[in-house]
Amino acid sequence: MKRDSRALESALAELDRQHLSRRRWTVERLLDRTRPGEPDGAYVLVEGRRLADFCSNDYLGLARHPALAQALAESATRDGTGSGASHLVSGHAREHDLLEDELAAFTGRERALLFSTGYMANLAAICALAGRGERVLLDRLSHASLIDAALLSGARFARFAHADASAASRALQEHSDETALVATDGVFSMDGDLAPLPELARQAAAHGAWLVVDDAHGLGVIGRSGRGTLEHFGLGEAEVPVLVGTLGKAFGTFGAFVAGSRDLVEYLMQRARTYIYTTALPPAVAAATRKALALAQSETWRRERVHALTTRFRAAAAAAGIPLLPSDTPIQPVLLGDSERALEASAALREAGFWVTAIRPPTVPPGSARLRITLSAAHLEHQVDSLVEALAGALEKLPR
């Protein structure tokens, strides 16, 4: 697009016409200090209105935990508020070392490498392991960061039908010599379903391709001990050599990591541009994350609670005739199709006291706009019941 204010104005008007324009709301967290560390209802203040937050990725309710704030404050007092440089210059601190070791132990890997965001971690893994003349294969509903990583790697990339291991197998067989890497989400962020990892792992290994799993929405939540989608399926490093995780969801802080073999992590440290050429995560954030990781493992009731609330929500929604996608994770999408309908339903829930944003293209495919409801260990049972009641009423009033 050339420099032309009229072109920008026209493009923005077209987004409005299609109900695809996005609004940035100012959201303030409301903490209940009378019960530190306990469920507080996950309330937020949105432009003066107190709402129950049902669209955050804070699945374990740790983002509000006072112990994390204390760990962050103590580290900031000791280490400062910023790292000051990239990891390979002077920004790598003792807290980073300790967190990487603990993340490696948590995921059952030899090493882990910290990144500032999940986006940067995915770019690092894919761009370092695939390049020109090679091919990257992605699930059709893979996160945008995986798609962008494939594009930026310079490799050719193709997508197979969502969660269809047979389609992935056919694509691998057609281009076996060229395919360097297969990548997928572990838990799909907009649908809440799981990737068919056992079969993908088998196919990738058979064709000598790396398998990269972005388990941003699985780690801390899925699996017997919360170690994610790989634990759920009983898979280890041999089957899934590259594991990407984020720290800003179930662990309630900020940042991301790649975990794998000693040589893989060393190679990424030497070659990944999004690691080498960016400022390191503040040590205080690493300290807070270490506390979150410890709490996620010791306070198992958090994981049990979020799954119990998910079951409660699905049962109540079924009884109320609310159509849900087949998801057993805390991500519960209500598919509405039309973007305008999704916006209207979101507004109705806001009026009823619930914060649930409308998800529209290009975040989801055209014709699949939805409400993305997420459950947290911070929620209260009566909130879940009231949400279902308000949602049923909002859907009933939508134009057919």
Protein backbone atom coordinates (compact mmCIF):
# COMPACT_ATOMS: atom_id res chain seq x y z
CA MET A 1 0.00 0.00 0.00
CA LYS A 2 1.43 3.37 -1.01
CA ARG A 3 1.44 6.31 1.36
CA ASP A 4 -2.14 7.49 0.95
CA SER A 5 -4.37 8.56 3.83
CA ARG A 6 -7.46 7.90 1.75
CA ALA A 7 -6.39 4.30 1.22
CA LEU A 8 -6.00 3.84 4.98
CA GLU A 9 -9.39 5.46 5.61
CA SER A 10 -11.01 3.21 3.01
CA ALA A 11 -9.39 0.08 4.43
CA LEU A 12 -10.52 0.94 7.95
CA ALA A 13 -14.05 1.65 6.73
CA GLU A 14 -14.15 -1.74 5.03
CA LEU A 15 -13.16 -3.47 8.27
CA ASP A 16 -16.01 -1.67 10.02
CA ARG A 17 -18.45 -2.68 7.29
CA GLN A 18 -17.52 -6.33 7.72
CA HIS A 19 -17.69 -6.09 11.55
CA LEU A 20 -14.00 -6.99 11.70
CA SER A 21 -12.64 -3.83 13.27
CA ARG A 22 -11.00 -4.50 16.64
CA ARG A 23 -11.38 -2.36 19.71
CA ARG A 24 -8.74 -2.20 22.42
CA TRP A 25 -10.35 -2.08 25.85
CA THR A 26 -8.60 -0.92 29.01
CA VAL A 27 -8.86 -3.77 31.53
CA GLU A 28 -7.88 -3.51 35.20
CA ARG A 29 -7.52 -6.60 37.39
CA LEU A 30 -9.48 -6.61 40.65
CA LEU A 31 -7.78 -8.63 43.39
CA ASP A 32 -9.42 -10.00 46.52
CA ARG A 33 -6.76 -9.55 49.20
CA THR A 34 -8.95 -11.10 51.89
CA ARG A 35 -8.26 -14.61 50.55
CA PRO A 36 -4.76 -14.53 49.05
CA GLY A 37 -4.11 -17.46 46.75
CA GLU A 38 -7.73 -18.63 46.81
CA PRO A 39 -10.38 -18.37 44.05
CA ASP A 40 -11.50 -14.75 43.86
CA GLY A 41 -13.91 -14.85 40.94
CA ALA A 42 -11.46 -13.38 38.41
CA TYR A 43 -13.11 -9.99 38.28
CA VAL A 44 -11.92 -7.17 36.05
CA LEU A 45 -12.81 -3.52 35.71
CA VAL A 46 -13.51 -2.61 32.09
CA GLU A 47 -14.05 1.10 31.57
CA GLY A 48 -15.70 1.46 34.97
CA ARG A 49 -17.72 -1.77 34.93
CA ARG A 50 -16.98 -4.73 37.20
CA LEU A 51 -17.13 -7.90 35.12
CA ALA A 52 -16.34 -11.58 35.64
CA ASP A 53 -13.47 -12.38 33.27
CA PHE A 54 -14.20 -15.45 31.15
CA CYS A 55 -11.72 -14.89 28.31
CA SER A 56 -8.33 -14.83 30.03
CA ASN A 57 -5.74 -17.60 29.56
CA ASP A 58 -4.93 -17.54 33.29
CA TYR A 59 -6.13 -21.13 33.62
CA LEU A 60 -4.68 -21.83 37.07
CA GLY A 61 -5.48 -18.42 38.53
CA LEU A 62 -1.79 -17.78 39.24
CA ALA A 63 -1.51 -14.36 37.61
CA ARG A 64 -3.15 -12.87 40.72
CA HIS A 65 -1.25 -14.89 43.31
CA PRO A 66 0.50 -12.67 45.89
CA ALA A 67 3.47 -15.05 46.09
CA LEU A 68 4.31 -14.31 42.45
CA ALA A 69 4.11 -10.57 43.08
CA GLN A 70 6.38 -10.96 46.10
CA ALA A 71 8.94 -13.02 44.15
CA LEU A 72 8.92 -10.44 41.36
CA ALA A 73 9.32 -7.51 43.76
CA GLU A 74 12.14 -9.14 45.69
CA SER A 75 14.02 -9.96 42.50
CA ALA A 76 13.45 -6.48 41.07
CA THR A 77 14.87 -4.97 44.25
CA ARG A 78 17.89 -7.23 44.01
CA ASP A 79 18.43 -7.51 40.22
CA GLY A 80 16.71 -4.42 38.82
CA THR A 81 13.63 -4.10 36.62
CA GLY A 82 15.27 -4.96 33.32
CA SER A 83 17.97 -7.30 32.04
CA GLY A 84 19.79 -4.54 30.18
CA ALA A 85 20.92 -6.57 27.18
CA SER A 86 20.45 -9.78 25.24
CA HIS A 87 21.22 -13.12 26.85
CA LEU A 88 24.50 -13.49 24.95
CA VAL A 89 25.81 -10.02 25.84
CA SER A 90 25.17 -9.31 29.53
CA GLY A 91 21.46 -9.94 30.05
CA HIS A 92 21.53 -13.56 31.22
CA ALA A 93 21.04 -13.68 34.99
CA ARG A 94 21.06 -16.35 37.67
CA GLU A 95 17.25 -16.35 37.76
CA HIS A 96 17.25 -17.23 34.04
CA ASP A 97 19.60 -20.15 34.67
CA LEU A 98 17.47 -21.48 37.50
CA LEU A 99 14.22 -21.16 35.56
CA GLU A 100 15.63 -22.89 32.49
CA ASP A 101 16.81 -25.80 34.65
CA GLU A 102 13.41 -26.06 36.34
CA LEU A 103 11.53 -25.90 33.03
CA ALA A 104 13.75 -28.64 31.62
CA ALA A 105 13.04 -30.82 34.65
CA PHE A 106 9.30 -30.06 34.48
CA THR A 107 9.08 -31.07 30.81
CA GLY A 108 11.47 -34.02 31.11
CA ARG A 109 14.05 -32.53 28.74
CA GLU A 110 17.80 -32.05 28.91
CA ARG A 111 17.65 -28.30 28.47
CA ALA A 112 15.29 -25.36 28.02
CA LEU A 113 15.91 -21.95 26.46
CA LEU A 114 13.99 -18.81 27.46
CA PHE A 115 12.43 -16.40 24.96
CA SER A 116 10.60 -13.13 25.46
CA THR A 117 7.37 -14.35 23.81
CA GLY A 118 5.83 -17.50 22.40
CA TYR A 119 5.84 -15.85 18.99
CA MET A 120 9.62 -15.46 19.19
CA ALA A 121 10.07 -19.04 20.42
CA ASN A 122 8.15 -20.46 17.46
CA LEU A 123 10.06 -18.27 15.02
CA ALA A 124 13.31 -19.47 16.58
CA ALA A 125 12.50 -23.17 16.36
CA ILE A 126 11.15 -23.23 12.83
CA CYS A 127 13.51 -20.70 11.22
CA ALA A 128 16.53 -22.44 12.73
CA LEU A 129 15.49 -25.97 11.74
CA ALA A 130 14.06 -25.40 8.26
CA GLY A 131 15.18 -23.25 5.36
CA ARG A 132 15.26 -22.71 1.63
CA GLY A 133 14.81 -25.81 -0.47
CA GLU A 134 13.00 -27.55 2.37
CA ARG A 135 9.38 -27.89 3.35
CA VAL A 136 7.38 -27.18 6.52
CA LEU A 137 4.06 -28.91 7.16
CA LEU A 138 1.48 -27.29 9.47
CA ASP A 139 -1.96 -28.11 10.81
CA ARG A 140 -4.46 -25.84 9.06
CA LEU A 141 -5.48 -24.24 12.36
CA SER A 142 -1.95 -23.72 13.65
CA HIS A 143 -1.28 -20.51 15.56
CA ALA A 144 -0.34 -17.45 13.51
CA SER A 145 3.18 -17.52 14.94
CA LEU A 146 3.77 -20.98 13.45
CA ILE A 147 2.50 -19.81 10.07
CA ASP A 148 4.64 -16.69 10.15
CA ALA A 149 7.65 -18.72 11.22
CA ALA A 150 7.19 -21.04 8.25
CA LEU A 151 6.97 -18.04 5.90
CA LEU A 152 10.01 -16.32 7.39
CA SER A 153 12.10 -19.49 7.32
CA GLY A 154 12.23 -19.31 3.53
CA ALA A 155 11.04 -22.91 3.26
CA ARG A 156 7.98 -23.85 1.27
CA PHE A 157 5.08 -24.68 3.51
CA ALA A 158 1.83 -26.53 3.23
CA ARG A 159 -1.05 -27.17 5.60
CA PHE A 160 -2.96 -30.37 6.22
CA ALA A 161 -6.61 -30.64 7.29
CA HIS A 162 -7.13 -29.77 10.93
CA ALA A 163 -6.21 -32.57 13.37
CA ASP A 164 -6.18 -35.04 10.48
CA ALA A 165 -3.21 -37.37 10.88
CA SER A 166 -4.08 -39.21 7.68
CA ALA A 167 -3.89 -35.97 5.70
CA ALA A 168 -0.53 -35.22 7.31
CA SER A 169 0.69 -38.69 6.39
CA ARG A 170 -0.30 -38.23 2.75
CA ALA A 171 1.44 -34.86 2.60
CA LEU A 172 4.59 -36.35 4.10
CA GLN A 173 4.58 -39.25 1.67
CA GLU A 174 4.22 -36.90 -1.30
CA HIS A 175 7.18 -34.76 -0.25
CA SER A 176 9.18 -37.08 2.02
CA ASP A 177 12.63 -35.96 0.88
CA GLU A 178 11.82 -32.26 1.20
CA THR A 179 9.91 -32.07 4.49
CA ALA A 180 12.21 -30.97 7.28
CA LEU A 181 9.63 -30.15 9.91
CA VAL A 182 6.04 -30.76 11.01
CA ALA A 183 4.52 -28.25 13.44
CA THR A 184 1.26 -28.09 15.35
CA ASP A 185 -0.38 -26.67 18.42
CA GLY A 186 -0.82 -29.19 21.24
CA VAL A 187 -4.12 -27.64 22.35
CA PHE A 188 -5.67 -25.44 19.67
CA SER A 189 -6.23 -22.03 21.17
CA MET A 190 -9.51 -21.18 19.43
CA ASP A 191 -11.13 -24.63 19.35
CA GLY A 192 -9.83 -26.22 22.55
CA ASP A 193 -9.24 -29.64 20.96
CA LEU A 194 -6.02 -31.65 20.97
CA ALA A 195 -3.71 -32.45 18.07
CA PRO A 196 -3.38 -36.16 17.16
CA LEU A 197 0.18 -36.16 18.48
CA PRO A 198 0.90 -39.91 18.66
CA GLU A 199 0.23 -40.41 14.95
CA LEU A 200 1.92 -37.16 13.95
CA ALA A 201 4.98 -38.21 15.93
CA ARG A 202 5.05 -41.61 14.24
CA GLN A 203 4.73 -40.09 10.77
CA ALA A 204 7.32 -37.37 11.35
CA ALA A 205 9.84 -39.90 12.67
CA ALA A 206 9.22 -42.24 9.75
CA HIS A 207 10.06 -39.47 7.32
CA GLY A 208 12.99 -38.01 9.23
CA ALA A 209 11.22 -34.73 10.01
CA TRP A 210 11.38 -32.68 13.19
CA LEU A 211 8.10 -32.48 15.11
CA VAL A 212 7.52 -29.12 16.79
CA VAL A 213 4.64 -28.91 19.27
CA ASP A 214 3.53 -25.53 20.61
CA ASP A 215 1.87 -26.55 23.88
CA ALA A 216 1.09 -23.01 25.04
CA HIS A 217 -2.42 -23.97 26.17
CA GLY A 218 -1.59 -27.45 27.46
CA LEU A 219 1.32 -26.99 29.84
CA GLY A 220 0.20 -26.59 33.42
CA VAL A 221 -3.33 -27.76 32.62
CA ILE A 222 -3.41 -30.98 30.58
CA GLY A 223 -2.00 -34.32 31.70
CA ARG A 224 -2.04 -36.22 34.96
CA SER A 225 0.45 -33.85 36.58
CA GLY A 226 -0.10 -30.82 34.33
CA ARG A 227 2.89 -31.45 32.09
CA GLY A 228 0.81 -30.85 29.02
CA THR A 229 -0.48 -32.57 25.93
CA LEU A 230 2.60 -34.77 25.63
CA GLU A 231 2.01 -36.19 29.10
CA HIS A 232 -1.64 -36.75 28.19
CA PHE A 233 -0.57 -38.92 25.26
CA GLY A 234 2.42 -40.51 27.00
CA LEU A 235 4.98 -38.97 24.61
CA GLY A 236 8.53 -37.92 25.39
CA GLU A 237 11.47 -36.22 23.75
CA ALA A 238 12.07 -39.18 21.43
CA GLU A 239 8.63 -38.73 19.87
CA VAL A 240 8.43 -34.92 20.09
CA PRO A 241 11.95 -33.51 19.92
CA VAL A 242 10.94 -29.82 19.98
CA LEU A 243 8.56 -28.55 22.65
CA VAL A 244 7.51 -24.90 22.81
CA GLY A 245 5.79 -23.54 25.91
CA THR A 246 4.63 -20.15 27.11
CA LEU A 247 4.71 -18.65 30.58
CA GLY A 248 1.88 -16.11 30.22
CA LYS A 249 -1.01 -18.55 30.31
CA ALA A 250 -1.29 -21.27 32.97
CA PHE A 251 1.83 -19.96 34.74
CA GLY A 252 0.48 -16.43 34.95
CA THR A 253 3.61 -14.43 34.06
CA PHE A 254 5.27 -13.61 30.73
CA GLY A 255 7.69 -15.16 28.25
CA ALA A 256 8.23 -18.54 26.62
CA PHE A 257 10.73 -21.34 26.16
CA VAL A 258 11.85 -24.13 23.87
CA ALA A 259 12.77 -27.43 25.53
CA GLY A 260 14.64 -30.34 23.99
CA SER A 261 17.97 -32.10 23.82
CA ARG A 262 21.21 -30.47 24.89
CA ASP A 263 22.36 -30.13 21.29
CA LEU A 264 19.04 -28.72 20.08
CA VAL A 265 19.04 -25.96 22.68
CA GLU A 266 22.71 -25.17 22.03
CA TYR A 267 21.99 -24.94 18.30
CA LEU A 268 19.07 -22.56 18.88
CA MET A 269 21.20 -20.45 21.18
CA GLN A 270 23.78 -20.13 18.41
CA ARG A 271 21.45 -19.66 15.45
CA ALA A 272 18.03 -18.38 16.51
CA ARG A 273 17.80 -14.71 15.60
CA THR A 274 14.88 -14.08 17.97
CA TYR A 275 17.10 -15.24 20.82
CA ILE A 276 20.36 -13.57 19.83
CA TYR A 277 19.06 -10.16 18.80
CA THR A 278 16.61 -9.19 21.53
CA THR A 279 16.77 -8.07 25.14
CA ALA A 280 16.49 -10.87 27.66
CA LEU A 281 13.41 -11.34 29.82
CA PRO A 282 13.72 -9.31 33.06
CA PRO A 283 15.18 -11.52 35.83
CA ALA A 284 12.27 -10.50 38.08
CA VAL A 285 9.82 -12.09 35.64
CA ALA A 286 11.89 -15.28 35.70
CA ALA A 287 11.78 -15.24 39.51
CA ALA A 288 7.99 -14.88 39.51
CA THR A 289 7.72 -17.72 36.98
CA ARG A 290 9.82 -20.00 39.17
CA LYS A 291 7.32 -19.41 41.97
CA ALA A 292 4.42 -20.08 39.60
CA LEU A 293 5.98 -23.32 38.39
CA ALA A 294 6.41 -24.48 41.98
CA LEU A 295 2.81 -23.60 42.88
CA ALA A 296 1.44 -25.29 39.76
CA GLN A 297 3.10 -28.51 40.92
CA SER A 298 2.33 -28.29 44.63
CA GLU A 299 -1.21 -26.86 44.50
CA THR A 300 -2.73 -29.60 42.39
CA TRP A 301 -6.21 -28.42 43.38
CA ARG A 302 -5.86 -25.63 40.80
CA ARG A 303 -5.72 -28.03 37.89
CA GLU A 304 -8.43 -30.21 39.41
CA ARG A 305 -10.64 -27.19 39.95
CA VAL A 306 -10.39 -25.80 36.43
CA HIS A 307 -11.29 -29.22 35.00
CA ALA A 308 -14.23 -29.55 37.41
CA LEU A 309 -15.49 -26.10 36.40
CA THR A 310 -15.09 -27.02 32.73
CA THR A 311 -17.22 -30.13 33.27
CA ARG A 312 -19.78 -28.05 35.18
CA PHE A 313 -19.94 -25.47 32.39
CA ARG A 314 -20.37 -28.07 29.64
CA ALA A 315 -23.13 -29.90 31.53
CA ALA A 316 -25.03 -26.69 32.22
CA ALA A 317 -24.59 -25.51 28.62
CA ALA A 318 -25.91 -28.83 27.29
CA ALA A 319 -28.93 -28.60 29.58
CA ALA A 320 -29.56 -25.05 28.33
CA GLY A 321 -29.27 -26.07 24.68
CA ILE A 322 -26.11 -24.04 24.08
CA PRO A 323 -24.07 -25.52 21.21
CA LEU A 324 -20.42 -26.05 22.11
CA LEU A 325 -17.51 -27.41 20.11
CA PRO A 326 -16.18 -30.79 21.34
CA SER A 327 -13.53 -29.63 23.81
CA ASP A 328 -12.63 -31.07 27.21
CA THR A 329 -10.10 -28.32 27.91
CA PRO A 330 -10.79 -24.99 29.65
CA ILE A 331 -11.22 -23.44 26.18
CA GLN A 332 -14.94 -23.60 25.37
CA PRO A 333 -15.92 -22.00 22.02
CA VAL A 334 -19.50 -21.08 21.16
CA LEU A 335 -19.60 -21.02 17.37
CA LEU A 336 -21.84 -18.27 15.97
CA GLY A 337 -20.58 -18.01 12.39
CA ASP A 338 -21.35 -14.39 11.67
CA SER A 339 -19.07 -11.67 13.08
CA GLU A 340 -21.95 -9.31 13.82
CA ARG A 341 -23.74 -12.01 15.82
CA ALA A 342 -20.57 -12.67 17.81
CA LEU A 343 -20.21 -8.97 18.61
CA GLU A 344 -23.85 -8.72 19.69
CA ALA A 345 -23.55 -11.78 21.94
CA SER A 346 -20.39 -10.38 23.51
CA ALA A 347 -22.10 -7.05 24.17
CA ALA A 348 -25.10 -8.80 25.75
CA LEU A 349 -22.81 -10.73 28.10
CA ARG A 350 -21.00 -7.52 28.99
CA GLU A 351 -24.32 -5.96 29.98
CA ALA A 352 -25.01 -9.04 32.10
CA GLY A 353 -21.68 -8.68 33.92
CA PHE A 354 -19.38 -11.02 31.98
CA TRP A 355 -16.23 -10.25 30.01
CA VAL A 356 -16.17 -12.53 26.93
CA THR A 357 -14.74 -11.06 23.75
CA ALA A 358 -15.88 -11.94 20.24
CA ILE A 359 -13.32 -13.84 18.16
CA ARG A 360 -13.56 -13.07 14.44
CA PRO A 361 -11.55 -13.55 11.24
CA PRO A 362 -8.66 -13.57 10.58
CA THR A 363 -8.07 -15.09 14.03
CA VAL A 364 -10.50 -17.85 13.01
CA PRO A 365 -11.53 -18.94 9.49
CA PRO A 366 -14.25 -16.94 7.68
CA GLY A 367 -17.74 -17.95 8.76
CA SER A 368 -16.58 -19.28 12.13
CA ALA A 369 -16.78 -16.21 14.39
CA ARG A 370 -17.37 -17.23 17.98
CA LEU A 371 -17.32 -16.51 21.65
CA ARG A 372 -14.23 -18.06 23.21
CA ILE A 373 -15.07 -18.81 26.83
CA THR A 374 -12.22 -19.87 29.08
CA LEU A 375 -12.43 -21.33 32.57
CA SER A 376 -9.98 -20.62 35.38
CA ALA A 377 -9.29 -22.02 38.83
CA ALA A 378 -10.03 -18.48 40.02
CA HIS A 379 -13.69 -18.71 39.00
CA LEU A 380 -16.49 -19.47 41.44
CA GLU A 381 -19.22 -22.05 40.82
CA HIS A 382 -22.04 -19.52 40.94
CA GLN A 383 -20.26 -17.45 38.27
CA VAL A 384 -20.18 -20.43 35.92
CA ASP A 385 -23.88 -21.09 36.47
CA SER A 386 -24.77 -17.42 35.97
CA LEU A 387 -22.66 -17.24 32.83
CA VAL A 388 -24.56 -20.13 31.27
CA GLU A 389 -27.88 -18.46 32.13
CA ALA A 390 -26.75 -15.15 30.63
CA LEU A 391 -25.33 -16.87 27.56
CA ALA A 392 -28.55 -18.76 26.89
CA GLY A 393 -30.48 -15.51 27.12
CA ALA A 394 -28.06 -13.69 24.82
CA LEU A 395 -28.20 -16.41 22.16
CA GLU A 396 -31.99 -16.52 22.31
CA LYS A 397 -32.17 -12.83 21.41
CA LEU A 398 -29.79 -13.01 18.46
CA PRO A 399 -31.33 -12.63 14.99
CA ARG A 400 -31.63 -15.95 13.19
